[in-house]
Amino acid sequence: MSTETRDRGRWSIPVDEDAALATMRVVASGLGLPVDDPVVLQRSNNVVVWLRPAPVVVKVMRSTPERAAAARQLEIACHCAARGAPVSVPSDQVPCEVSGDTRHDVTFWRHEPTVSREREPDEVAAALLALHRALDTLPGPVPRLADLHVDVCSILADDAQMAALDPGTRARLRERFAALLKELTTCDTDERVLHGEVHSGNTLVVEQGVRFCDFEGVCRGPLEWDLAYLPDACMGAFVGVDPERVRLLRQVVSARVATLCWAKLRAVDDPVERWHAEHHLAIALGGDRSEVAAP
């Protein structure tokens, strides 16, 4: 199956954490890795776990046909790392391949300790420039951002999937998202391969600088989509940026994130997910284009 095939539910259906951890323990112990003191680093669409004290991070995601999505992320990371881009890389403790079971795909990544400081705009911009140069030569099909917007609109149009959001607000979000996408169609722009989700949750600050991780959102679209996740101070490092398009796309990001978070709340009423759902809903409906897109 082509890696361009999209799973429209992958963003809106959270991974069951207990089941994911059970799969992780079976797979990791089978590879001789320690599983007695795992640290959950992230829980959202996927579950990400550090196998303390080993320098190994495990990512557990919903299984896709032929494990294509997980395999593609390993491929992208290896491609970018080989070209000097600042990215998280697969672990050298185990074979660079996808493991798992019928419900979950499991990949293993090198753990790098983070440092407790904010990411600086100039270093993030420099790192993103290097990542974009590597992605320019990425082989294979890459989904278009416009098609991914269509997928999210399909979720938003489904009353069952959006049942956690009251009907009146649901209608307002649909109207707002449609208006934003219509405004986008009036913008002439070149497309390039993007990381797709360079928010702070996918940007690690380590001793050597910034590292980008999680290549699930890699897509082809306007440069301004990646910049929508960054502060205005980063824009000056890039050529041909349209600041107004960046601000428009910040609202598109929030409309999209609000949709996906409310869809996930239908299955699990998680307080962190609810905060993000309400935060991005307020931005999308409020019309503020100055706020930097957040996870």
C-alpha atoms as a PDB file:
ATOM      1  CA  MET A   1       0.000   0.000   0.000  1.00  0.00           C
ATOM      2  CA  SER A   2       1.263   3.450  -0.859  1.00  0.00           C
ATOM      3  CA  THR A   3       2.557   5.544   2.034  1.00  0.00           C
ATOM      4  CA  GLU A   4       0.343   8.302   0.647  1.00  0.00           C
ATOM      5  CA  THR A   5      -2.760   6.420   1.788  1.00  0.00           C
ATOM      6  CA  ARG A   6      -4.271   8.365   4.674  1.00  0.00           C
ATOM      7  CA  ASP A   7      -5.956   7.091   7.817  1.00  0.00           C
ATOM      8  CA  ARG A   8      -8.589   9.740   8.486  1.00  0.00           C
ATOM      9  CA  GLY A   9      -9.134   8.564  12.050  1.00  0.00           C
ATOM     10  CA  ARG A  10      -5.535   8.514  13.169  1.00  0.00           C
ATOM     11  CA  TRP A  11      -5.638  11.992  14.725  1.00  0.00           C
ATOM     12  CA  SER A  12      -9.073  11.723  16.299  1.00  0.00           C
ATOM     13  CA  ILE A  13      -8.818   8.327  18.007  1.00  0.00           C
ATOM     14  CA  PRO A  14      -6.465   8.309  21.005  1.00  0.00           C
ATOM     15  CA  VAL A  15      -4.301   5.286  21.695  1.00  0.00           C
ATOM     16  CA  ASP A  16      -5.417   3.293  24.737  1.00  0.00           C
ATOM     17  CA  GLU A  17      -2.491   3.935  27.095  1.00  0.00           C
ATOM     18  CA  ASP A  18      -2.745   0.711  29.107  1.00  0.00           C
ATOM     19  CA  ALA A  19      -2.919  -1.416  25.964  1.00  0.00           C
ATOM     20  CA  ALA A  20      -0.063   0.552  24.386  1.00  0.00           C
ATOM     21  CA  LEU A  21       2.140   0.077  27.442  1.00  0.00           C
ATOM     22  CA  ALA A  22       1.354  -3.639  27.496  1.00  0.00           C
ATOM     23  CA  THR A  23       2.446  -3.944  23.856  1.00  0.00           C
ATOM     24  CA  MET A  24       5.557  -1.877  24.581  1.00  0.00           C
ATOM     25  CA  ARG A  25       6.579  -4.178  27.447  1.00  0.00           C
ATOM     26  CA  VAL A  26       6.182  -7.336  25.389  1.00  0.00           C
ATOM     27  CA  VAL A  27       8.077  -5.968  22.384  1.00  0.00           C
ATOM     28  CA  ALA A  28      10.841  -4.212  24.354  1.00  0.00           C
ATOM     29  CA  SER A  29      11.509  -7.122  26.718  1.00  0.00           C
ATOM     30  CA  GLY A  30      11.681  -9.426  23.721  1.00  0.00           C
ATOM     31  CA  LEU A  31      14.512  -7.252  22.395  1.00  0.00           C
ATOM     32  CA  GLY A  32      16.348  -7.355  25.734  1.00  0.00           C
ATOM     33  CA  LEU A  33      15.500  -3.806  26.763  1.00  0.00           C
ATOM     34  CA  PRO A  34      14.618  -2.839  30.369  1.00  0.00           C
ATOM     35  CA  VAL A  35      10.906  -2.372  31.042  1.00  0.00           C
ATOM     36  CA  ASP A  36      10.817  -2.125  34.859  1.00  0.00           C
ATOM     37  CA  ASP A  37      11.003   1.686  35.169  1.00  0.00           C
ATOM     38  CA  PRO A  38       9.344   3.264  32.112  1.00  0.00           C
ATOM     39  CA  VAL A  39       8.654   7.004  32.044  1.00  0.00           C
ATOM     40  CA  VAL A  40       5.712   8.167  29.941  1.00  0.00           C
ATOM     41  CA  LEU A  41       6.895  11.286  28.115  1.00  0.00           C
ATOM     42  CA  GLN A  42       3.808  11.948  26.013  1.00  0.00           C
ATOM     43  CA  ARG A  43       0.277  10.685  25.663  1.00  0.00           C
ATOM     44  CA  SER A  44      -1.887  11.958  22.831  1.00  0.00           C
ATOM     45  CA  ASN A  45      -2.467  10.285  19.475  1.00  0.00           C
ATOM     46  CA  ASN A  46       0.467   8.092  20.464  1.00  0.00           C
ATOM     47  CA  VAL A  47       2.170   6.994  23.663  1.00  0.00           C
ATOM     48  CA  VAL A  48       5.868   7.855  23.976  1.00  0.00           C
ATOM     49  CA  VAL A  49       7.908   6.178  26.708  1.00  0.00           C
ATOM     50  CA  TRP A  50      11.526   6.429  27.894  1.00  0.00           C
ATOM     51  CA  LEU A  51      12.842   3.006  28.902  1.00  0.00           C
ATOM     52  CA  ARG A  52      14.824   4.372  31.827  1.00  0.00           C
ATOM     53  CA  PRO A  53      17.783   3.921  32.342  1.00  0.00           C
ATOM     54  CA  ALA A  54      18.424   2.783  28.745  1.00  0.00           C
ATOM     55  CA  PRO A  55      19.013   5.531  26.134  1.00  0.00           C
ATOM     56  CA  VAL A  56      15.889   4.366  24.304  1.00  0.00           C
ATOM     57  CA  VAL A  57      12.514   6.012  23.690  1.00  0.00           C
ATOM     58  CA  VAL A  58       9.587   3.924  22.451  1.00  0.00           C
ATOM     59  CA  LYS A  59       6.795   5.350  20.340  1.00  0.00           C
ATOM     60  CA  VAL A  60       3.572   3.317  20.259  1.00  0.00           C
ATOM     61  CA  MET A  61       0.983   4.289  17.665  1.00  0.00           C
ATOM     62  CA  ARG A  62      -2.164   2.811  16.183  1.00  0.00           C
ATOM     63  CA  SER A  63      -1.347   0.148  13.646  1.00  0.00           C
ATOM     64  CA  THR A  64      -1.655   1.020   9.956  1.00  0.00           C
ATOM     65  CA  PRO A  65      -1.753  -1.381   6.989  1.00  0.00           C
ATOM     66  CA  GLU A  66       1.691  -2.871   6.404  1.00  0.00           C
ATOM     67  CA  ARG A  67       2.890  -0.614   9.252  1.00  0.00           C
ATOM     68  CA  ALA A  68       3.441   2.000   6.569  1.00  0.00           C
ATOM     69  CA  ALA A  69       3.048   5.145   8.701  1.00  0.00           C
ATOM     70  CA  ALA A  70       5.562   4.070  11.353  1.00  0.00           C
ATOM     71  CA  ALA A  71       8.038   2.805   8.759  1.00  0.00           C
ATOM     72  CA  ARG A  72       7.780   6.087   6.864  1.00  0.00           C
ATOM     73  CA  GLN A  73       8.652   8.052  10.005  1.00  0.00           C
ATOM     74  CA  LEU A  74      11.814   5.988  10.493  1.00  0.00           C
ATOM     75  CA  GLU A  75      12.686   6.515   6.837  1.00  0.00           C
ATOM     76  CA  ILE A  76      12.215  10.293   7.082  1.00  0.00           C
ATOM     77  CA  ALA A  77      14.323  10.557  10.244  1.00  0.00           C
ATOM     78  CA  CYS A  78      17.174   8.531   8.729  1.00  0.00           C
ATOM     79  CA  HIS A  79      17.040  10.552   5.497  1.00  0.00           C
ATOM     80  CA  CYS A  80      17.207  13.875   7.341  1.00  0.00           C
ATOM     81  CA  ALA A  81      19.882  12.777   9.816  1.00  0.00           C
ATOM     82  CA  ALA A  82      22.100  11.544   6.963  1.00  0.00           C
ATOM     83  CA  ARG A  83      21.952  15.069   5.520  1.00  0.00           C
ATOM     84  CA  GLY A  84      22.913  16.749   8.761  1.00  0.00           C
ATOM     85  CA  ALA A  85      19.474  17.927   9.821  1.00  0.00           C
ATOM     86  CA  PRO A  86      18.899  18.318  13.595  1.00  0.00           C
ATOM     87  CA  VAL A  87      16.425  15.493  14.181  1.00  0.00           C
ATOM     88  CA  SER A  88      15.779  12.725  16.661  1.00  0.00           C
ATOM     89  CA  VAL A  89      17.133   9.485  15.247  1.00  0.00           C
ATOM     90  CA  PRO A  90      16.188   5.816  15.575  1.00  0.00           C
ATOM     91  CA  SER A  91      17.851   3.898  18.394  1.00  0.00           C
ATOM     92  CA  ASP A  92      21.088   2.059  17.701  1.00  0.00           C
ATOM     93  CA  GLN A  93      20.251  -0.412  20.492  1.00  0.00           C
ATOM     94  CA  VAL A  94      17.794  -2.403  18.369  1.00  0.00           C
ATOM     95  CA  PRO A  95      17.178  -2.997  14.632  1.00  0.00           C
ATOM     96  CA  CYS A  96      15.776   0.039  12.801  1.00  0.00           C
ATOM     97  CA  GLU A  97      12.401  -1.461  11.979  1.00  0.00           C
ATOM     98  CA  VAL A  98       8.786  -1.419  13.076  1.00  0.00           C
ATOM     99  CA  SER A  99       7.638  -3.934  15.694  1.00  0.00           C
ATOM    100  CA  GLY A 100       4.284  -4.368  17.423  1.00  0.00           C
ATOM    101  CA  ASP A 101       1.121  -6.412  17.276  1.00  0.00           C
ATOM    102  CA  THR A 102      -2.206  -6.287  15.450  1.00  0.00           C
ATOM    103  CA  ARG A 103      -3.278  -3.106  17.264  1.00  0.00           C
ATOM    104  CA  HIS A 104      -0.047  -1.154  17.679  1.00  0.00           C
ATOM    105  CA  ASP A 105       3.056  -0.239  15.721  1.00  0.00           C
ATOM    106  CA  VAL A 106       6.177   0.266  17.846  1.00  0.00           C
ATOM    107  CA  THR A 107       9.343   2.148  16.927  1.00  0.00           C
ATOM    108  CA  PHE A 108      12.498   2.797  18.962  1.00  0.00           C
ATOM    109  CA  TRP A 109      14.360   6.119  19.106  1.00  0.00           C
ATOM    110  CA  ARG A 110      17.529   7.433  20.701  1.00  0.00           C
ATOM    111  CA  HIS A 111      16.904   9.170  24.016  1.00  0.00           C
ATOM    112  CA  GLU A 112      18.642  12.517  24.442  1.00  0.00           C
ATOM    113  CA  PRO A 113      18.312  14.307  27.792  1.00  0.00           C
ATOM    114  CA  THR A 114      16.650  17.691  27.431  1.00  0.00           C
ATOM    115  CA  VAL A 115      17.890  20.864  29.099  1.00  0.00           C
ATOM    116  CA  SER A 116      15.674  23.240  31.040  1.00  0.00           C
ATOM    117  CA  ARG A 117      15.703  26.362  28.910  1.00  0.00           C
ATOM    118  CA  GLU A 118      13.417  27.902  26.328  1.00  0.00           C
ATOM    119  CA  ARG A 119      14.060  27.361  22.641  1.00  0.00           C
ATOM    120  CA  GLU A 120      15.517  30.567  21.164  1.00  0.00           C
ATOM    121  CA  PRO A 121      13.921  31.901  17.950  1.00  0.00           C
ATOM    122  CA  ASP A 122      17.229  32.132  16.070  1.00  0.00           C
ATOM    123  CA  GLU A 123      18.251  28.552  16.828  1.00  0.00           C
ATOM    124  CA  VAL A 124      14.810  27.218  15.978  1.00  0.00           C
ATOM    125  CA  ALA A 125      14.844  29.091  12.673  1.00  0.00           C
ATOM    126  CA  ALA A 126      18.329  27.788  11.815  1.00  0.00           C
ATOM    127  CA  ALA A 127      17.317  24.246  12.715  1.00  0.00           C
ATOM    128  CA  LEU A 128      14.155  24.454  10.611  1.00  0.00           C
ATOM    129  CA  LEU A 129      16.101  25.768   7.623  1.00  0.00           C
ATOM    130  CA  ALA A 130      18.418  22.761   7.883  1.00  0.00           C
ATOM    131  CA  LEU A 131      15.463  20.401   8.203  1.00  0.00           C
ATOM    132  CA  HIS A 132      13.768  21.903   5.142  1.00  0.00           C
ATOM    133  CA  ARG A 133      16.948  21.471   3.092  1.00  0.00           C
ATOM    134  CA  ALA A 134      16.982  17.786   3.985  1.00  0.00           C
ATOM    135  CA  LEU A 135      13.262  17.383   3.280  1.00  0.00           C
ATOM    136  CA  ASP A 136      13.749  18.954  -0.162  1.00  0.00           C
ATOM    137  CA  THR A 137      15.325  15.682  -1.289  1.00  0.00           C
ATOM    138  CA  LEU A 138      12.950  13.316   0.520  1.00  0.00           C
ATOM    139  CA  PRO A 139      12.049  10.431  -1.813  1.00  0.00           C
ATOM    140  CA  GLY A 140       8.617   8.912  -2.163  1.00  0.00           C
ATOM    141  CA  PRO A 141       5.094  10.344  -2.054  1.00  0.00           C
ATOM    142  CA  VAL A 142       4.190  13.044   0.455  1.00  0.00           C
ATOM    143  CA  PRO A 143       0.569  13.944   1.279  1.00  0.00           C
ATOM    144  CA  ARG A 144      -0.580  17.460   0.460  1.00  0.00           C
ATOM    145  CA  LEU A 145      -1.564  19.684   3.353  1.00  0.00           C
ATOM    146  CA  ALA A 146      -4.735  20.644   1.470  1.00  0.00           C
ATOM    147  CA  ASP A 147      -5.807  16.988   1.422  1.00  0.00           C
ATOM    148  CA  LEU A 148      -5.162  16.697   5.159  1.00  0.00           C
ATOM    149  CA  HIS A 149      -7.452  19.699   5.699  1.00  0.00           C
ATOM    150  CA  VAL A 150     -10.154  17.810   3.794  1.00  0.00           C
ATOM    151  CA  ASP A 151      -9.688  14.848   6.144  1.00  0.00           C
ATOM    152  CA  VAL A 152     -10.134  17.069   9.213  1.00  0.00           C
ATOM    153  CA  CYS A 153     -13.217  18.696   7.671  1.00  0.00           C
ATOM    154  CA  SER A 154     -14.678  15.204   7.235  1.00  0.00           C
ATOM    155  CA  ILE A 155     -14.248  14.601  10.957  1.00  0.00           C
ATOM    156  CA  LEU A 156     -15.761  18.004  11.794  1.00  0.00           C
ATOM    157  CA  ALA A 157     -18.786  17.259   9.571  1.00  0.00           C
ATOM    158  CA  ASP A 158     -19.504  14.008  11.416  1.00  0.00           C
ATOM    159  CA  ASP A 159     -21.929  14.693  14.290  1.00  0.00           C
ATOM    160  CA  ALA A 160     -21.109  11.375  15.941  1.00  0.00           C
ATOM    161  CA  GLN A 161     -17.377  12.064  16.042  1.00  0.00           C
ATOM    162  CA  MET A 162     -17.967  15.633  17.265  1.00  0.00           C
ATOM    163  CA  ALA A 163     -20.564  14.729  19.892  1.00  0.00           C
ATOM    164  CA  ALA A 164     -18.453  16.147  22.746  1.00  0.00           C
ATOM    165  CA  LEU A 165     -18.923  19.665  21.351  1.00  0.00           C
ATOM    166  CA  ASP A 166     -22.374  21.213  21.680  1.00  0.00           C
ATOM    167  CA  PRO A 167     -24.303  21.513  18.375  1.00  0.00           C
ATOM    168  CA  GLY A 168     -24.343  25.306  18.295  1.00  0.00           C
ATOM    169  CA  THR A 169     -20.591  25.687  18.792  1.00  0.00           C
ATOM    170  CA  ARG A 170     -20.011  22.782  16.418  1.00  0.00           C
ATOM    171  CA  ALA A 171     -21.873  24.687  13.699  1.00  0.00           C
ATOM    172  CA  ARG A 172     -19.859  27.842  14.382  1.00  0.00           C
ATOM    173  CA  LEU A 173     -16.579  25.921  14.146  1.00  0.00           C
ATOM    174  CA  ARG A 174     -17.654  24.338  10.846  1.00  0.00           C
ATOM    175  CA  GLU A 175     -18.538  27.730   9.438  1.00  0.00           C
ATOM    176  CA  ARG A 176     -15.283  29.278  10.661  1.00  0.00           C
ATOM    177  CA  PHE A 177     -13.094  26.446   9.333  1.00  0.00           C
ATOM    178  CA  ALA A 178     -14.789  26.619   5.931  1.00  0.00           C
ATOM    179  CA  ALA A 179     -14.277  30.400   5.783  1.00  0.00           C
ATOM    180  CA  LEU A 180     -10.593  30.082   6.663  1.00  0.00           C
ATOM    181  CA  LEU A 181     -10.001  27.432   4.002  1.00  0.00           C
ATOM    182  CA  LYS A 182     -11.845  29.538   1.445  1.00  0.00           C
ATOM    183  CA  GLU A 183      -9.596  32.481   2.285  1.00  0.00           C
ATOM    184  CA  LEU A 184      -6.571  30.225   1.795  1.00  0.00           C
ATOM    185  CA  THR A 185      -7.638  29.356  -1.746  1.00  0.00           C
ATOM    186  CA  THR A 186      -7.184  33.008  -2.740  1.00  0.00           C
ATOM    187  CA  CYS A 187      -3.484  32.859  -1.804  1.00  0.00           C
ATOM    188  CA  ASP A 188      -1.046  31.945  -4.561  1.00  0.00           C
ATOM    189  CA  THR A 189       1.830  30.052  -3.018  1.00  0.00           C
ATOM    190  CA  ASP A 190       4.588  27.590  -3.759  1.00  0.00           C
ATOM    191  CA  GLU A 191       4.553  24.259  -1.953  1.00  0.00           C
ATOM    192  CA  ARG A 192       7.435  22.401  -0.374  1.00  0.00           C
ATOM    193  CA  VAL A 193       7.900  19.423   1.936  1.00  0.00           C
ATOM    194  CA  LEU A 194       7.302  20.481   5.544  1.00  0.00           C
ATOM    195  CA  HIS A 195       7.639  18.942   8.984  1.00  0.00           C
ATOM    196  CA  GLY A 196       3.989  19.868   9.414  1.00  0.00           C
ATOM    197  CA  GLU A 197       3.827  20.190  13.215  1.00  0.00           C
ATOM    198  CA  VAL A 198       6.845  22.107  14.559  1.00  0.00           C
ATOM    199  CA  HIS A 199       5.175  23.097  17.816  1.00  0.00           C
ATOM    200  CA  SER A 200       7.058  22.947  21.115  1.00  0.00           C
ATOM    201  CA  GLY A 201       5.935  19.370  21.774  1.00  0.00           C
ATOM    202  CA  ASN A 202       7.861  18.222  18.698  1.00  0.00           C
ATOM    203  CA  THR A 203      10.916  20.401  19.350  1.00  0.00           C
ATOM    204  CA  LEU A 204      13.423  19.102  21.873  1.00  0.00           C
ATOM    205  CA  VAL A 205      16.050  21.366  23.407  1.00  0.00           C
ATOM    206  CA  VAL A 206      19.122  19.246  24.164  1.00  0.00           C
ATOM    207  CA  GLU A 207      22.718  20.077  25.065  1.00  0.00           C
ATOM    208  CA  GLN A 208      23.677  20.358  21.380  1.00  0.00           C
ATOM    209  CA  GLY A 209      20.726  22.585  20.479  1.00  0.00           C
ATOM    210  CA  VAL A 210      17.292  22.004  18.948  1.00  0.00           C
ATOM    211  CA  ARG A 211      16.110  18.620  17.687  1.00  0.00           C
ATOM    212  CA  PHE A 212      12.893  18.028  15.752  1.00  0.00           C
ATOM    213  CA  CYS A 213      11.011  14.815  16.392  1.00  0.00           C
ATOM    214  CA  ASP A 214       7.747  13.102  15.366  1.00  0.00           C
ATOM    215  CA  PHE A 215       7.483  13.048  11.577  1.00  0.00           C
ATOM    216  CA  GLU A 216       3.856  11.938  11.467  1.00  0.00           C
ATOM    217  CA  GLY A 217       2.737  15.309  10.095  1.00  0.00           C
ATOM    218  CA  VAL A 218       5.206  15.588   7.196  1.00  0.00           C
ATOM    219  CA  CYS A 219       3.330  16.999   4.211  1.00  0.00           C
ATOM    220  CA  ARG A 220       3.629  19.236   1.158  1.00  0.00           C
ATOM    221  CA  GLY A 221       2.341  22.769   1.597  1.00  0.00           C
ATOM    222  CA  PRO A 222       3.297  26.443   1.931  1.00  0.00           C
ATOM    223  CA  LEU A 223       6.377  27.372   3.966  1.00  0.00           C
ATOM    224  CA  GLU A 224       4.126  29.542   6.138  1.00  0.00           C
ATOM    225  CA  TRP A 225       2.424  26.438   7.575  1.00  0.00           C
ATOM    226  CA  ASP A 226       5.558  25.457   9.507  1.00  0.00           C
ATOM    227  CA  LEU A 227       6.166  29.090  10.457  1.00  0.00           C
ATOM    228  CA  ALA A 228       2.650  29.340  11.900  1.00  0.00           C
ATOM    229  CA  TYR A 229       3.930  27.253  14.814  1.00  0.00           C
ATOM    230  CA  LEU A 230       6.824  29.629  15.537  1.00  0.00           C
ATOM    231  CA  PRO A 231       7.065  33.173  16.933  1.00  0.00           C
ATOM    232  CA  ASP A 232       7.252  36.125  14.544  1.00  0.00           C
ATOM    233  CA  ALA A 233      10.959  36.526  15.401  1.00  0.00           C
ATOM    234  CA  CYS A 234      11.708  33.400  13.335  1.00  0.00           C
ATOM    235  CA  MET A 235      10.301  34.767  10.074  1.00  0.00           C
ATOM    236  CA  GLY A 236      13.293  36.929   9.178  1.00  0.00           C
ATOM    237  CA  ALA A 237      15.476  33.868   8.544  1.00  0.00           C
ATOM    238  CA  PHE A 238      13.267  32.721   5.658  1.00  0.00           C
ATOM    239  CA  VAL A 239      13.023  34.145   2.150  1.00  0.00           C
ATOM    240  CA  GLY A 240       9.705  35.133   0.582  1.00  0.00           C
ATOM    241  CA  VAL A 241       7.538  34.746   3.689  1.00  0.00           C
ATOM    242  CA  ASP A 242       4.070  36.305   3.684  1.00  0.00           C
ATOM    243  CA  PRO A 243       3.432  37.396   7.314  1.00  0.00           C
ATOM    244  CA  GLU A 244      -0.316  37.734   6.721  1.00  0.00           C
ATOM    245  CA  ARG A 245      -0.494  34.157   5.437  1.00  0.00           C
ATOM    246  CA  VAL A 246       1.384  32.990   8.540  1.00  0.00           C
ATOM    247  CA  ARG A 247      -1.230  34.668  10.721  1.00  0.00           C
ATOM    248  CA  LEU A 248      -4.083  33.190   8.680  1.00  0.00           C
ATOM    249  CA  LEU A 249      -2.560  29.717   8.987  1.00  0.00           C
ATOM    250  CA  ARG A 250      -2.258  30.115  12.762  1.00  0.00           C
ATOM    251  CA  GLN A 251      -6.041  30.233  12.852  1.00  0.00           C
ATOM    252  CA  VAL A 252      -6.290  27.247  10.529  1.00  0.00           C
ATOM    253  CA  VAL A 253      -3.996  25.329  12.897  1.00  0.00           C
ATOM    254  CA  SER A 254      -6.237  26.181  15.838  1.00  0.00           C
ATOM    255  CA  ALA A 255      -9.418  25.235  13.970  1.00  0.00           C
ATOM    256  CA  ARG A 256      -7.823  21.929  13.040  1.00  0.00           C
ATOM    257  CA  VAL A 257      -6.471  21.206  16.538  1.00  0.00           C
ATOM    258  CA  ALA A 258      -9.801  22.141  18.125  1.00  0.00           C
ATOM    259  CA  THR A 259     -11.605  19.720  15.808  1.00  0.00           C
ATOM    260  CA  LEU A 260      -9.274  16.830  16.539  1.00  0.00           C
ATOM    261  CA  CYS A 261      -9.222  17.435  20.290  1.00  0.00           C
ATOM    262  CA  TRP A 262     -13.016  17.595  20.536  1.00  0.00           C
ATOM    263  CA  ALA A 263     -13.233  14.410  18.473  1.00  0.00           C
ATOM    264  CA  LYS A 264     -10.884  12.636  20.886  1.00  0.00           C
ATOM    265  CA  LEU A 265     -12.926  13.852  23.876  1.00  0.00           C
ATOM    266  CA  ARG A 266     -15.807  11.761  22.568  1.00  0.00           C
ATOM    267  CA  ALA A 267     -13.806   8.661  23.542  1.00  0.00           C
ATOM    268  CA  VAL A 268     -11.854   9.866  26.593  1.00  0.00           C
ATOM    269  CA  ASP A 269     -12.621  12.966  28.673  1.00  0.00           C
ATOM    270  CA  ASP A 270      -9.006  13.830  29.432  1.00  0.00           C
ATOM    271  CA  PRO A 271      -8.498  17.177  31.251  1.00  0.00           C
ATOM    272  CA  VAL A 272      -5.344  18.055  29.283  1.00  0.00           C
ATOM    273  CA  GLU A 273      -7.056  17.264  25.982  1.00  0.00           C
ATOM    274  CA  ARG A 274     -10.046  19.353  27.075  1.00  0.00           C
ATOM    275  CA  TRP A 275      -7.799  22.330  27.867  1.00  0.00           C
ATOM    276  CA  HIS A 276      -6.294  22.189  24.373  1.00  0.00           C
ATOM    277  CA  ALA A 277      -9.745  21.742  22.829  1.00  0.00           C
ATOM    278  CA  GLU A 278     -11.140  24.814  24.580  1.00  0.00           C
ATOM    279  CA  HIS A 279      -7.968  26.890  24.064  1.00  0.00           C
ATOM    280  CA  HIS A 280      -7.829  26.328  20.299  1.00  0.00           C
ATOM    281  CA  LEU A 281     -11.590  26.657  19.915  1.00  0.00           C
ATOM    282  CA  ALA A 282     -11.413  30.119  21.488  1.00  0.00           C
ATOM    283  CA  ILE A 283      -8.595  31.151  19.110  1.00  0.00           C
ATOM    284  CA  ALA A 284     -10.338  29.758  16.025  1.00  0.00           C
ATOM    285  CA  LEU A 285     -13.662  31.417  16.805  1.00  0.00           C
ATOM    286  CA  GLY A 286     -12.170  34.591  18.265  1.00  0.00           C
ATOM    287  CA  GLY A 287     -10.310  35.677  15.147  1.00  0.00           C
ATOM    288  CA  ASP A 288      -6.984  36.458  16.879  1.00  0.00           C
ATOM    289  CA  ARG A 289      -4.245  35.798  14.319  1.00  0.00           C
ATOM    290  CA  SER A 290      -1.342  36.885  16.529  1.00  0.00           C
ATOM    291  CA  GLU A 291      -1.233  33.795  18.745  1.00  0.00           C
ATOM    292  CA  VAL A 292       1.467  31.281  17.870  1.00  0.00           C
ATOM    293  CA  ALA A 293       0.076  27.820  17.178  1.00  0.00           C
ATOM    294  CA  ALA A 294       0.680  25.458  20.108  1.00  0.00           C
ATOM    295  CA  PRO A 295       0.337  21.690  20.521  1.00  0.00           C
END
